[in-house]
Amino acid sequence: MIVDMMFLARLSSLKGQNGRHRRFIDGSGGGIPPGFRLPLNSIGVIPRKNKNKSNLDASKSDSEYMAGQLSSFGYALTDIPEDADLWLINTCTVKSPSQSAMDTLLTKGKRAKKPLVVAGCVPQGSRNLKELEGVSIVGVQQIDRVVEVVEETLKGHEVRLLNRKTLPALDLPKVRKNKFVEILPINVGCLGACTYCKTKHARGHLGSYTVDSLVGRVRTVIADGVKEIWLSSEDTGAYGRDIGVNLPTLLNAIVAELPTDASAMLRIGMTNPPFILEHLKEIAEVLCHPCVYSFLHVPVQSGSDSVLSAMNREYTVSEFRTVVDTLTELVPGMQIATDIICGFPGETDDDFAQTVSLVVEYKFPQVHISQFYPRPVIKGVPKVQDAPGAGLGASGCRRQDMCLRLRAPGTRFAKYSILNHGGHIIEVPNFLNRAVGQDECSTETCLFISLGTPAARMKKVPSNIVKKRSRELTSVFEAFTPYNGMEGRVERIWITEIATDGIHLVGHTKAYVQVLVVAPESMLGASAIVKITSVGRWSVFGEVIQTLNQMDGKTVSAEKLPGEEMFSLLRPM
């Protein structure tokens, strides 16, 4: 997925004076000092839309941080790619279409003879792609050095900044796409090893920010006038396991910093079932808080245990049910969104029927449905051959794809043990070892090489069946009417953006139901009492009764509203 593009235009150009030179900057954080800054007119940011936007919050935050640094360095913003002298593309990847979209944009940029910089998960996870030849790339943990990369690229150098280092600071300059919404990354990487996902390649093993640093950031953005804080993570539930704390500790610390009048709200990010199971009651208590949306994104991916096992999702359907049932029972009006992958390798008709049955049973208000796309093996790399019992590496390695260990120090680069699936041997040509960097492994130091995801080597479901299943599940999901019964209800909403029709403003209820209201733009960032006038499939429509922070010229908390209206206001759907 292409998250954003930034178009840079300059007044004068030095292109062609020195030709193109390839320059590598080390990832130690020092690197070379910023070079001579070419006079630039503008930088433009154009958001790319995606229905499954819940998975992109971390990359959106990266885009905002990069835009903020460039802006602070003296660049302005534009939305005219034809006039630009450099394109910066930020990417997010889980499945193949992400890379395809990037390839298309790179082709257009090269044809237009534009210097190109690619950031995000795609180059970090697949650094040796042919499409990235002649392109500067910025790793996911190097976004604080984007100015250096842009300037060197404009001088004709190809820069590759990928080595992992400490987490980027949370107080970097930032340009928010929505000034009322702060996307706050609480960690990078994850503890999972899903067989279909490339994100682990890019963002690596779990790295959590400290509670104090995150709470400090919350204080800062609240003072800046932010009205919603979105916690972003590859897996929110895994937060803190690498630094000796847990998610409930963080959430309670953040909630303590939010205004007591509930003028600012917290939205908890996506969490996989395994790491939230042990904290369900504590998480439920946080979700009940007046300043926290009663909403959670919990991907299930399949309703079949056999498919979940093939995906290496590390939970069962029963455990997913426990998460949903517990939160629904303990949190009034709880709304849960989920994800489904149709046509994963080995998925039978019965497996798919179990998935449909699960979705029908719970009637989730939001389901992100995708078709399985393999991330193929790089051309020229030999196929993996079975060698049961020949594993040479540590059995506990958590690298998502291919974590390889040399047989002995100083020996010729030849045979490695593939630790992820154990018992496989691969012949790796000598030159490939010079193309890979050394990565951290949870058990020992290993060499990592991107050979595509394990799922890419599984027997695929025919594409016509995959498409048929996707259409069938989509039809089932779109027939749901999750907001029936809301008409006539009085709700409190928090308004943060303008709808795409340019007429309505967009707010959300405590249960994170989208409410469209006709109101002046001056109400952006406000909280209001609305009466629901009609319901649709994806949102509801409301009429503003009262703007809370404009009553009598002062902020008024919901608790000060009278009687039955107050009960209706706080009662989640």
Protein backbone atom coordinates (compact mmCIF):
# COMPACT_ATOMS: atom_id res chain seq x y z
CA MET A 1 0.00 0.00 0.00
CA ILE A 2 1.29 3.47 -0.88
CA VAL A 3 0.54 5.51 2.22
CA ASP A 4 1.72 8.91 0.96
CA MET A 5 3.68 10.66 -1.75
CA MET A 6 5.62 13.86 -1.20
CA PHE A 7 6.49 15.95 -4.24
CA LEU A 8 9.51 18.25 -3.95
CA ALA A 9 10.04 21.18 -6.34
CA ARG A 10 13.11 23.42 -6.51
CA LEU A 11 13.98 26.73 -8.09
CA SER A 12 17.30 25.66 -9.57
CA SER A 13 18.70 22.29 -10.42
CA LEU A 14 22.07 20.63 -10.25
CA LYS A 15 20.92 17.49 -11.97
CA GLY A 16 23.43 16.10 -14.41
CA GLN A 17 26.45 18.03 -13.11
CA ASN A 18 27.96 15.11 -11.26
CA GLY A 19 26.01 12.22 -12.73
CA ARG A 20 24.46 9.66 -10.44
CA HIS A 21 26.67 8.20 -7.74
CA ARG A 22 25.68 5.51 -5.30
CA ARG A 23 26.41 6.43 -1.70
CA PHE A 24 25.72 4.29 1.37
CA ILE A 25 25.26 6.03 4.73
CA ASP A 26 25.76 3.84 7.77
CA GLY A 27 22.89 3.35 10.20
CA SER A 28 24.74 4.36 13.33
CA GLY A 29 22.86 7.63 13.62
CA GLY A 30 25.90 9.79 12.86
CA GLY A 31 26.33 9.54 9.12
CA ILE A 32 27.38 12.52 7.03
CA PRO A 33 26.23 16.03 7.88
CA PRO A 34 23.43 17.44 5.72
CA GLY A 35 24.85 18.68 2.45
CA PHE A 36 24.24 21.95 0.64
CA ARG A 37 20.48 22.46 0.57
CA LEU A 38 19.16 23.15 -2.91
CA PRO A 39 16.64 26.02 -2.97
CA LEU A 40 13.26 24.33 -2.89
CA ASN A 41 9.83 25.76 -3.42
CA SER A 42 7.66 23.02 -2.07
CA ILE A 43 6.93 19.57 -0.80
CA GLY A 44 3.53 18.03 -1.40
CA VAL A 45 1.79 15.23 0.43
CA ILE A 46 -1.00 13.34 -1.28
CA PRO A 47 -2.72 10.68 0.87
CA ARG A 48 -3.55 7.37 -0.77
CA LYS A 49 -6.89 5.94 0.28
CA ASN A 50 -7.27 2.39 1.59
CA LYS A 51 -10.35 0.70 3.00
CA ASN A 52 -8.24 -1.32 5.40
CA LYS A 53 -6.83 1.81 6.96
CA SER A 54 -6.63 0.38 10.46
CA ASN A 55 -3.40 -1.39 9.55
CA LEU A 56 -1.72 1.76 8.23
CA ASP A 57 -1.64 4.02 11.26
CA ALA A 58 2.04 3.37 11.98
CA SER A 59 3.04 4.24 8.41
CA LYS A 60 0.83 7.33 8.44
CA SER A 61 2.60 8.46 11.58
CA ASP A 62 5.94 7.95 9.81
CA SER A 63 4.70 10.13 6.94
CA GLU A 64 3.71 12.89 9.34
CA TYR A 65 7.09 12.79 11.05
CA MET A 66 8.97 12.93 7.72
CA ALA A 67 6.81 15.80 6.47
CA GLY A 68 7.39 17.64 9.75
CA GLN A 69 11.17 17.35 9.50
CA LEU A 70 11.22 18.50 5.89
CA SER A 71 8.91 21.38 6.73
CA SER A 72 11.06 22.40 9.70
CA PHE A 73 14.10 22.39 7.42
CA GLY A 74 12.51 25.04 5.23
CA TYR A 75 10.45 23.12 2.71
CA ALA A 76 6.87 24.04 1.78
CA LEU A 77 4.01 21.82 0.53
CA THR A 78 2.57 21.33 -2.95
CA ASP A 79 0.26 18.86 -4.68
CA ILE A 80 1.58 19.19 -8.27
CA PRO A 81 3.76 16.16 -9.11
CA GLU A 82 4.55 17.40 -12.62
CA ASP A 83 6.36 20.46 -11.21
CA ALA A 84 8.31 18.46 -8.64
CA ASP A 85 12.01 17.72 -8.73
CA LEU A 86 11.82 14.76 -6.36
CA TRP A 87 9.17 12.27 -5.34
CA LEU A 88 9.18 10.69 -1.89
CA ILE A 89 7.00 7.59 -1.62
CA ASN A 90 6.13 6.07 1.75
CA THR A 91 4.95 2.47 1.63
CA CYS A 92 3.29 -0.09 3.85
CA THR A 93 3.33 -3.78 3.05
CA VAL A 94 1.59 -6.92 4.18
CA LYS A 95 0.69 -8.50 0.87
CA SER A 96 1.71 -8.27 -2.79
CA PRO A 97 -0.54 -5.40 -4.02
CA SER A 98 1.45 -3.02 -1.81
CA GLN A 99 4.58 -3.66 -3.81
CA SER A 100 2.71 -3.55 -7.13
CA ALA A 101 1.40 -0.05 -6.35
CA MET A 102 4.93 1.08 -5.52
CA ASP A 103 6.28 -0.40 -8.75
CA THR A 104 3.71 1.53 -10.78
CA LEU A 105 4.64 4.84 -9.16
CA LEU A 106 8.35 4.18 -9.52
CA THR A 107 7.90 3.47 -13.23
CA LYS A 108 6.03 6.76 -13.67
CA GLY A 109 8.68 8.64 -11.75
CA LYS A 110 11.56 7.14 -13.72
CA ARG A 111 9.82 7.90 -17.02
CA ALA A 112 9.39 11.48 -15.85
CA LYS A 113 13.11 11.50 -14.90
CA LYS A 114 12.36 12.44 -11.30
CA PRO A 115 14.82 11.64 -8.50
CA LEU A 116 13.05 9.14 -6.24
CA VAL A 117 13.14 8.32 -2.54
CA VAL A 118 11.19 5.33 -1.21
CA ALA A 119 10.53 4.93 2.50
CA GLY A 120 8.65 2.44 4.64
CA CYS A 121 8.12 -1.28 4.80
CA VAL A 122 8.58 -2.31 1.16
CA PRO A 123 12.24 -1.24 0.77
CA GLN A 124 13.07 -2.28 4.34
CA GLY A 125 11.67 -5.78 3.82
CA SER A 126 12.72 -6.24 0.17
CA ARG A 127 15.81 -4.10 -0.24
CA ASN A 128 17.14 -6.03 -3.24
CA LEU A 129 14.13 -5.57 -5.50
CA LYS A 130 15.07 -4.81 -9.07
CA GLU A 131 12.55 -1.95 -9.08
CA LEU A 132 14.54 -0.17 -6.36
CA GLU A 133 17.71 0.05 -8.45
CA GLY A 134 18.74 3.67 -8.87
CA VAL A 135 16.37 4.77 -6.10
CA SER A 136 17.26 6.15 -2.67
CA ILE A 137 15.61 4.31 0.20
CA VAL A 138 14.95 5.12 3.86
CA GLY A 139 14.37 2.42 6.47
CA VAL A 140 11.50 2.45 8.95
CA GLN A 141 13.86 3.23 11.83
CA GLN A 142 15.73 5.96 9.93
CA ILE A 143 12.88 8.40 9.29
CA ASP A 144 14.62 10.99 11.50
CA ARG A 145 17.26 11.30 8.75
CA VAL A 146 14.95 11.84 5.81
CA VAL A 147 16.31 15.37 5.19
CA GLU A 148 19.81 13.98 4.62
CA VAL A 149 18.51 11.40 2.18
CA VAL A 150 16.44 13.93 0.23
CA GLU A 151 19.32 16.37 -0.08
CA GLU A 152 21.85 13.76 -1.16
CA THR A 153 19.39 12.37 -3.71
CA LEU A 154 18.85 15.83 -5.19
CA LYS A 155 22.63 16.11 -5.61
CA GLY A 156 22.65 12.97 -7.74
CA HIS A 157 23.57 10.40 -5.11
CA GLU A 158 21.76 7.14 -4.44
CA VAL A 159 21.39 6.73 -0.68
CA ARG A 160 20.43 3.52 1.14
CA LEU A 161 19.75 3.99 4.82
CA LEU A 162 18.40 0.74 6.21
CA ASN A 163 20.38 -0.47 9.19
CA ARG A 164 18.40 -0.80 12.38
CA LYS A 165 19.12 1.48 15.30
CA THR A 166 17.34 2.86 18.33
CA LEU A 167 13.69 3.88 18.04
CA PRO A 168 13.09 7.28 16.40
CA ALA A 169 12.36 10.01 18.93
CA LEU A 170 8.70 10.80 19.56
CA ASP A 171 9.34 14.54 19.73
CA LEU A 172 10.53 14.96 16.14
CA PRO A 173 8.85 17.75 14.17
CA LYS A 174 5.56 16.51 12.76
CA VAL A 175 2.98 17.72 10.23
CA ARG A 176 -0.35 16.08 11.07
CA LYS A 177 -2.72 15.31 8.20
CA ASN A 178 -5.49 16.12 10.65
CA LYS A 179 -4.50 18.68 13.27
CA PHE A 180 -6.99 17.19 15.72
CA VAL A 181 -5.64 13.62 15.46
CA GLU A 182 -2.31 12.42 16.84
CA ILE A 183 -1.17 9.01 15.58
CA LEU A 184 1.10 7.79 18.35
CA PRO A 185 3.31 4.71 17.76
CA ILE A 186 3.73 2.79 21.00
CA ASN A 187 6.14 0.21 19.58
CA VAL A 188 7.64 -1.07 16.34
CA GLY A 189 7.86 -4.65 15.12
CA CYS A 190 6.02 -7.56 16.65
CA LEU A 191 6.43 -10.96 18.29
CA GLY A 192 4.46 -12.84 15.65
CA ALA A 193 5.68 -14.96 12.77
CA CYS A 194 2.71 -15.01 10.37
CA THR A 195 3.60 -16.97 7.25
CA TYR A 196 1.96 -14.51 4.83
CA CYS A 197 3.17 -11.15 6.17
CA LYS A 198 6.18 -9.08 5.10
CA THR A 199 5.79 -6.41 7.76
CA LYS A 200 7.98 -8.35 10.21
CA HIS A 201 10.77 -8.21 7.62
CA ALA A 202 10.59 -4.44 7.59
CA ARG A 203 9.84 -3.48 11.17
CA GLY A 204 11.63 -6.37 12.84
CA HIS A 205 11.38 -7.69 16.38
CA LEU A 206 9.35 -5.90 19.02
CA GLY A 207 10.72 -2.57 20.26
CA SER A 208 8.54 -0.63 22.72
CA TYR A 209 8.72 3.01 23.74
CA THR A 210 8.83 3.60 27.47
CA VAL A 211 5.68 4.55 29.37
CA ASP A 212 7.23 7.86 30.42
CA SER A 213 8.11 8.85 26.84
CA LEU A 214 4.61 8.04 25.58
CA VAL A 215 2.89 9.83 28.46
CA GLY A 216 5.13 12.84 27.82
CA ARG A 217 4.06 12.87 24.18
CA VAL A 218 0.40 12.70 25.21
CA ARG A 219 0.82 15.73 27.46
CA THR A 220 2.43 17.65 24.60
CA VAL A 221 -0.22 16.89 21.97
CA ILE A 222 -3.11 17.60 24.34
CA ALA A 223 -1.55 21.01 24.97
CA ASP A 224 -1.33 21.44 21.17
CA GLY A 225 -5.11 21.05 20.87
CA VAL A 226 -5.29 17.42 19.69
CA LYS A 227 -8.74 15.89 20.29
CA GLU A 228 -8.08 12.25 19.39
CA ILE A 229 -5.04 10.08 20.09
CA TRP A 230 -4.76 6.93 18.00
CA LEU A 231 -2.33 4.38 19.41
CA SER A 232 -0.59 2.63 16.51
CA SER A 233 1.26 -0.66 16.51
CA GLU A 234 1.73 -3.86 14.53
CA ASP A 235 0.33 -5.55 17.65
CA THR A 236 -0.84 -3.30 20.49
CA GLY A 237 -1.33 -6.25 22.86
CA ALA A 238 2.38 -7.11 22.74
CA TYR A 239 3.39 -3.69 24.02
CA GLY A 240 6.06 -3.66 26.71
CA ARG A 241 6.99 -7.34 26.70
CA ASP A 242 10.52 -6.37 25.70
CA ILE A 243 10.91 -3.76 28.46
CA GLY A 244 9.14 -5.41 31.38
CA VAL A 245 5.79 -3.57 31.33
CA ASN A 246 2.38 -4.36 29.85
CA LEU A 247 -0.40 -2.70 27.89
CA PRO A 248 -2.80 -2.02 30.80
CA THR A 249 -0.03 -0.13 32.62
CA LEU A 250 0.50 2.10 29.59
CA LEU A 251 -3.21 2.67 28.94
CA ASN A 252 -3.95 3.66 32.51
CA ALA A 253 -1.02 6.09 32.49
CA ILE A 254 -2.25 7.71 29.27
CA VAL A 255 -5.88 7.93 30.40
CA ALA A 256 -4.75 9.74 33.55
CA GLU A 257 -3.41 12.55 31.32
CA LEU A 258 -6.62 13.08 29.30
CA PRO A 259 -8.93 16.02 30.14
CA THR A 260 -11.54 15.10 32.73
CA ASP A 261 -14.32 16.65 30.62
CA ALA A 262 -13.73 14.01 27.90
CA SER A 263 -12.93 16.71 25.35
CA ALA A 264 -10.16 14.45 24.00
CA MET A 265 -10.50 10.74 23.25
CA LEU A 266 -8.18 7.75 23.04
CA ARG A 267 -8.49 5.03 20.37
CA ILE A 268 -6.62 1.80 21.09
CA GLY A 269 -4.84 0.27 18.11
CA MET A 270 -5.01 -3.12 16.46
CA THR A 271 -4.24 -6.12 18.65
CA ASN A 272 -3.90 -9.80 17.84
CA PRO A 273 -5.63 -12.27 20.18
CA PRO A 274 -2.63 -14.02 21.80
CA PHE A 275 -1.21 -11.12 23.77
CA ILE A 276 -4.47 -9.57 24.93
CA LEU A 277 -5.97 -12.76 26.40
CA GLU A 278 -4.20 -12.43 29.74
CA HIS A 279 -5.25 -8.78 30.15
CA LEU A 280 -8.88 -8.90 28.99
CA LYS A 281 -10.47 -7.62 32.19
CA GLU A 282 -7.96 -4.79 32.57
CA ILE A 283 -8.41 -3.80 28.92
CA ALA A 284 -12.19 -3.89 29.36
CA GLU A 285 -11.93 -1.47 32.29
CA VAL A 286 -9.96 0.97 30.13
CA LEU A 287 -12.45 0.66 27.26
CA CYS A 288 -15.24 1.61 29.69
CA HIS A 289 -13.52 4.88 30.57
CA PRO A 290 -15.40 7.99 29.30
CA CYS A 291 -12.27 9.19 27.43
CA VAL A 292 -11.68 5.92 25.55
CA TYR A 293 -13.59 4.73 22.50
CA SER A 294 -15.36 1.40 23.10
CA PHE A 295 -13.81 0.00 19.94
CA LEU A 296 -11.06 -2.48 19.14
CA HIS A 297 -9.64 -3.95 15.94
CA VAL A 298 -8.93 -7.67 16.52
CA PRO A 299 -8.00 -9.54 13.30
CA VAL A 300 -9.10 -13.19 13.16
CA GLN A 301 -8.09 -13.85 9.51
CA SER A 302 -9.93 -17.20 9.36
CA GLY A 303 -12.65 -19.10 11.16
CA SER A 304 -10.78 -22.39 10.72
CA ASP A 305 -8.18 -23.65 13.20
CA SER A 306 -6.33 -25.54 10.46
CA VAL A 307 -5.94 -22.37 8.40
CA LEU A 308 -4.87 -20.37 11.45
CA SER A 309 -2.24 -23.02 12.12
CA ALA A 310 -0.94 -22.75 8.54
CA MET A 311 -0.83 -18.97 8.96
CA ASN A 312 1.12 -19.47 12.22
CA ARG A 313 -1.27 -17.08 13.98
CA GLU A 314 -0.64 -18.66 17.41
CA TYR A 315 -4.26 -18.73 18.58
CA THR A 316 -7.42 -20.75 17.95
CA VAL A 317 -10.89 -19.68 16.91
CA SER A 318 -12.02 -20.48 20.45
CA GLU A 319 -9.47 -18.03 21.87
CA PHE A 320 -10.62 -15.35 19.45
CA ARG A 321 -14.19 -15.97 20.61
CA THR A 322 -13.04 -15.55 24.20
CA VAL A 323 -11.66 -12.11 23.37
CA VAL A 324 -14.83 -10.99 21.58
CA ASP A 325 -17.26 -12.49 24.09
CA THR A 326 -15.44 -11.12 27.14
CA LEU A 327 -15.14 -7.57 25.80
CA THR A 328 -18.73 -7.57 24.57
CA GLU A 329 -19.93 -8.70 27.98
CA LEU A 330 -17.84 -6.27 30.03
CA VAL A 331 -17.91 -3.16 27.82
CA PRO A 332 -21.37 -1.67 27.08
CA GLY A 333 -21.82 -1.00 23.36
CA MET A 334 -18.47 -2.59 22.49
CA GLN A 335 -17.68 -2.54 18.75
CA ILE A 336 -15.11 -4.96 17.31
CA ALA A 337 -13.64 -4.85 13.82
CA THR A 338 -11.82 -7.80 12.30
CA ASP A 339 -9.88 -8.94 9.22
CA ILE A 340 -10.37 -11.96 6.96
CA ILE A 341 -8.02 -13.41 4.33
CA CYS A 342 -9.85 -15.43 1.68
CA GLY A 343 -8.15 -18.26 -0.17
CA PHE A 344 -5.11 -18.84 2.03
CA PRO A 345 -3.11 -21.85 0.73
CA GLY A 346 -4.79 -25.09 1.78
CA GLU A 347 -8.12 -23.45 2.65
CA THR A 348 -10.89 -25.95 1.85
CA ASP A 349 -14.57 -25.30 1.22
CA ASP A 350 -15.24 -26.40 4.79
CA ASP A 351 -12.59 -24.03 6.16
CA PHE A 352 -14.18 -21.14 4.29
CA ALA A 353 -17.66 -22.15 5.46
CA GLN A 354 -16.40 -21.94 9.06
CA THR A 355 -15.14 -18.42 8.37
CA VAL A 356 -18.47 -17.32 6.92
CA SER A 357 -20.28 -18.86 9.88
CA LEU A 358 -18.08 -16.94 12.34
CA VAL A 359 -18.71 -13.62 10.59
CA VAL A 360 -22.46 -14.26 10.41
CA GLU A 361 -22.60 -15.24 14.08
CA TYR A 362 -20.97 -12.05 15.34
CA LYS A 363 -22.13 -9.68 12.57
CA PHE A 364 -19.05 -7.50 12.97
CA PRO A 365 -19.78 -3.88 11.97
CA GLN A 366 -16.41 -3.67 10.19
CA VAL A 367 -14.71 -6.54 8.37
CA HIS A 368 -11.64 -5.91 6.23
CA ILE A 369 -11.78 -8.66 3.57
CA SER A 370 -8.77 -9.39 1.38
CA GLN A 371 -7.67 -12.11 -0.99
CA PHE A 372 -4.46 -14.03 -0.33
CA TYR A 373 -1.51 -12.72 -2.31
CA PRO A 374 1.82 -14.58 -2.12
CA ARG A 375 5.10 -12.73 -1.65
CA PRO A 376 7.24 -14.80 -4.03
CA VAL A 377 10.79 -16.06 -3.70
CA ILE A 378 13.42 -13.77 -5.24
CA LYS A 379 14.53 -14.91 -8.68
CA GLY A 380 17.90 -16.64 -8.80
CA VAL A 381 17.70 -18.06 -5.29
CA PRO A 382 17.67 -21.89 -5.17
CA LYS A 383 14.58 -23.66 -3.93
CA VAL A 384 14.43 -24.97 -0.40
CA GLN A 385 14.86 -28.72 -0.17
CA ASP A 386 13.59 -30.86 2.66
CA ALA A 387 16.20 -32.26 4.98
CA PRO A 388 14.33 -33.50 8.08
CA GLY A 389 16.35 -33.44 11.24
CA ALA A 390 19.20 -31.48 9.73
CA GLY A 391 18.44 -28.19 11.47
CA LEU A 392 21.60 -26.38 12.53
CA GLY A 393 20.11 -23.33 14.22
CA ALA A 394 18.26 -22.55 17.40
CA SER A 395 14.73 -23.91 17.42
CA GLY A 396 13.34 -20.85 19.22
CA CYS A 397 14.20 -18.31 16.54
CA ARG A 398 11.30 -15.92 15.88
CA ARG A 399 12.36 -14.47 12.52
CA GLN A 400 9.26 -14.39 10.34
CA ASP A 401 10.74 -15.68 7.11
CA MET A 402 14.21 -17.09 6.69
CA CYS A 403 16.55 -16.81 9.66
CA LEU A 404 19.83 -18.41 8.71
CA ARG A 405 22.92 -19.28 10.74
CA LEU A 406 26.36 -20.02 9.39
CA ARG A 407 27.57 -23.54 10.17
CA ALA A 408 30.78 -22.30 11.76
CA PRO A 409 32.66 -18.98 11.91
CA GLY A 410 34.98 -18.49 8.95
CA THR A 411 33.56 -21.28 6.82
CA ARG A 412 32.58 -20.73 3.21
CA PHE A 413 29.07 -19.32 2.80
CA ALA A 414 27.26 -22.42 1.62
CA LYS A 415 24.72 -24.27 3.73
CA TYR A 416 22.42 -22.70 6.29
CA SER A 417 19.69 -23.97 8.54
CA ILE A 418 16.27 -22.41 8.03
CA LEU A 419 15.04 -21.95 11.56
CA ASN A 420 11.50 -20.77 10.93
CA HIS A 421 10.22 -24.14 9.78
CA GLY A 422 13.06 -26.29 11.11
CA GLY A 423 14.75 -29.14 9.32
CA HIS A 424 15.24 -27.45 5.92
CA ILE A 425 18.58 -26.83 4.24
CA ILE A 426 19.19 -24.21 1.56
CA GLU A 427 22.16 -23.67 -0.74
CA VAL A 428 22.93 -19.93 -0.87
CA PRO A 429 25.29 -18.60 -3.56
CA ASN A 430 28.32 -16.82 -2.12
CA PHE A 431 27.41 -13.42 -3.59
CA LEU A 432 24.08 -13.33 -1.79
CA ASN A 433 25.78 -13.21 1.58
CA ARG A 434 27.35 -9.89 0.73
CA ALA A 435 23.92 -8.49 -0.12
CA VAL A 436 22.36 -9.07 3.25
CA GLY A 437 22.86 -7.26 6.50
CA GLN A 438 23.10 -8.73 9.93
CA ASP A 439 19.92 -8.60 11.94
CA GLU A 440 19.02 -9.23 15.54
CA CYS A 441 17.57 -12.62 16.33
CA SER A 442 15.79 -13.43 19.57
CA THR A 443 17.97 -16.45 20.21
CA GLU A 444 21.34 -15.79 18.59
CA THR A 445 22.97 -13.80 15.82
CA CYS A 446 21.74 -15.00 12.44
CA LEU A 447 22.03 -13.90 8.84
CA PHE A 448 18.73 -12.84 7.29
CA ILE A 449 17.87 -12.98 3.62
CA SER A 450 14.51 -12.19 2.08
CA LEU A 451 13.32 -15.22 0.14
CA GLY A 452 9.62 -14.42 0.16
CA THR A 453 7.14 -15.45 2.82
CA PRO A 454 6.67 -19.12 3.76
CA ALA A 455 3.09 -18.94 2.48
CA ALA A 456 4.43 -18.17 -1.00
CA ARG A 457 5.83 -21.71 -1.11
CA MET A 458 2.56 -23.38 -0.09
CA LYS A 459 0.14 -24.93 -2.56
CA LYS A 460 -2.19 -22.17 -3.69
CA VAL A 461 -5.96 -22.17 -3.97
CA PRO A 462 -6.97 -21.50 -7.62
CA SER A 463 -7.45 -17.77 -8.19
CA ASN A 464 -11.01 -18.15 -9.47
CA ILE A 465 -11.99 -19.86 -6.20
CA VAL A 466 -10.22 -17.19 -4.14
CA LYS A 467 -12.14 -14.46 -5.95
CA LYS A 468 -15.42 -16.34 -5.60
CA ARG A 469 -14.94 -16.72 -1.84
CA SER A 470 -14.03 -13.07 -1.47
CA ARG A 471 -17.17 -11.98 -3.34
CA GLU A 472 -19.35 -14.34 -1.30
CA LEU A 473 -18.03 -13.13 2.06
CA THR A 474 -18.28 -9.51 0.97
CA SER A 475 -21.92 -10.04 -0.03
CA VAL A 476 -22.68 -11.62 3.34
CA PHE A 477 -20.97 -8.81 5.26
CA GLU A 478 -22.57 -5.99 3.29
CA ALA A 479 -26.02 -7.39 4.04
CA PHE A 480 -25.57 -6.65 7.76
CA THR A 481 -27.42 -3.69 9.25
CA PRO A 482 -25.33 -2.94 12.38
CA TYR A 483 -26.83 0.47 13.13
CA ASN A 484 -30.53 -0.36 12.98
CA GLY A 485 -32.21 0.83 16.15
CA MET A 486 -30.07 3.94 16.57
CA GLU A 487 -32.58 6.29 14.96
CA GLY A 488 -33.97 8.72 17.53
CA ARG A 489 -31.18 8.09 20.02
CA VAL A 490 -29.28 11.01 21.58
CA GLU A 491 -25.50 10.54 21.56
CA ARG A 492 -22.36 12.47 22.34
CA ILE A 493 -19.94 12.65 19.42
CA TRP A 494 -16.43 13.97 18.84
CA ILE A 495 -16.02 15.81 15.51
CA THR A 496 -12.62 15.73 13.82
CA GLU A 497 -12.91 15.86 10.02
CA ILE A 498 -14.85 16.92 6.94
CA ALA A 499 -16.66 14.17 5.02
CA THR A 500 -15.62 13.39 1.45
CA ASP A 501 -18.86 14.93 0.16
CA GLY A 502 -17.68 18.30 1.43
CA ILE A 503 -21.08 18.88 3.07
CA HIS A 504 -21.06 16.90 6.30
CA LEU A 505 -18.69 16.88 9.24
CA VAL A 506 -17.61 13.50 10.61
CA GLY A 507 -17.91 12.60 14.28
CA HIS A 508 -17.82 9.38 16.24
CA THR A 509 -19.83 8.10 19.18
CA LYS A 510 -18.28 6.53 22.27
CA ALA A 511 -18.67 3.19 20.44
CA TYR A 512 -16.86 4.70 17.43
CA VAL A 513 -19.91 4.69 15.17
CA GLN A 514 -19.42 7.25 12.41
CA VAL A 515 -21.97 10.09 12.56
CA LEU A 516 -22.42 12.59 9.71
CA VAL A 517 -23.80 16.01 10.63
CA VAL A 518 -24.42 19.23 8.73
CA ALA A 519 -22.57 21.88 10.71
CA PRO A 520 -20.08 24.74 10.21
CA GLU A 521 -16.38 23.89 9.97
CA SER A 522 -15.87 25.86 13.17
CA MET A 523 -17.18 22.78 14.98
CA LEU A 524 -14.15 20.72 13.96
CA GLY A 525 -12.42 19.65 17.14
CA ALA A 526 -15.58 20.08 19.19
CA SER A 527 -17.70 17.61 21.08
CA ALA A 528 -21.45 17.78 20.60
CA ILE A 529 -24.76 16.24 21.53
CA VAL A 530 -26.64 14.94 18.48
CA LYS A 531 -29.90 13.22 17.79
CA ILE A 532 -29.64 10.37 15.28
CA THR A 533 -32.08 11.14 12.45
CA SER A 534 -31.42 8.22 10.08
CA VAL A 535 -29.11 5.24 9.65
CA GLY A 536 -27.16 3.91 6.70
CA ARG A 537 -25.03 0.84 6.08
CA TRP A 538 -21.68 2.43 6.91
CA SER A 539 -22.64 5.41 9.07
CA VAL A 540 -25.54 7.25 10.68
CA PHE A 541 -26.81 10.80 10.26
CA GLY A 542 -27.41 13.19 13.12
CA GLU A 543 -28.68 16.63 14.01
CA VAL A 544 -26.63 18.76 16.39
CA ILE A 545 -28.52 19.62 19.59
CA GLN A 546 -25.73 21.17 21.58
CA THR A 547 -22.03 21.92 21.22
CA LEU A 548 -20.50 21.08 24.57
CA ASN A 549 -17.44 23.29 24.56
CA GLN A 550 -19.39 26.35 23.45
CA MET A 551 -22.13 26.34 26.08
CA ASP A 552 -22.08 29.68 27.93
CA GLY A 553 -18.64 30.33 26.45
CA LYS A 554 -16.91 27.63 28.47
CA THR A 555 -16.19 23.93 28.33
CA VAL A 556 -18.96 21.87 29.89
CA SER A 557 -18.53 18.23 30.78
CA ALA A 558 -21.16 15.63 29.93
CA GLU A 559 -21.78 15.06 33.62
CA LYS A 560 -23.34 18.54 33.92
CA LEU A 561 -26.14 17.80 31.47
CA PRO A 562 -29.50 17.03 33.02
CA GLY A 563 -31.63 13.98 33.55
CA GLU A 564 -32.73 11.51 30.90
CA GLU A 565 -30.87 13.34 28.16
CA MET A 566 -27.68 12.74 30.10
CA PHE A 567 -28.47 9.02 30.35
CA SER A 568 -29.04 8.79 26.61
CA LEU A 569 -25.83 10.69 25.99
CA LEU A 570 -23.57 8.36 27.93
CA ARG A 571 -25.39 5.16 27.02
CA PRO A 572 -23.29 3.39 24.32
CA MET A 573 -25.11 1.84 21.41
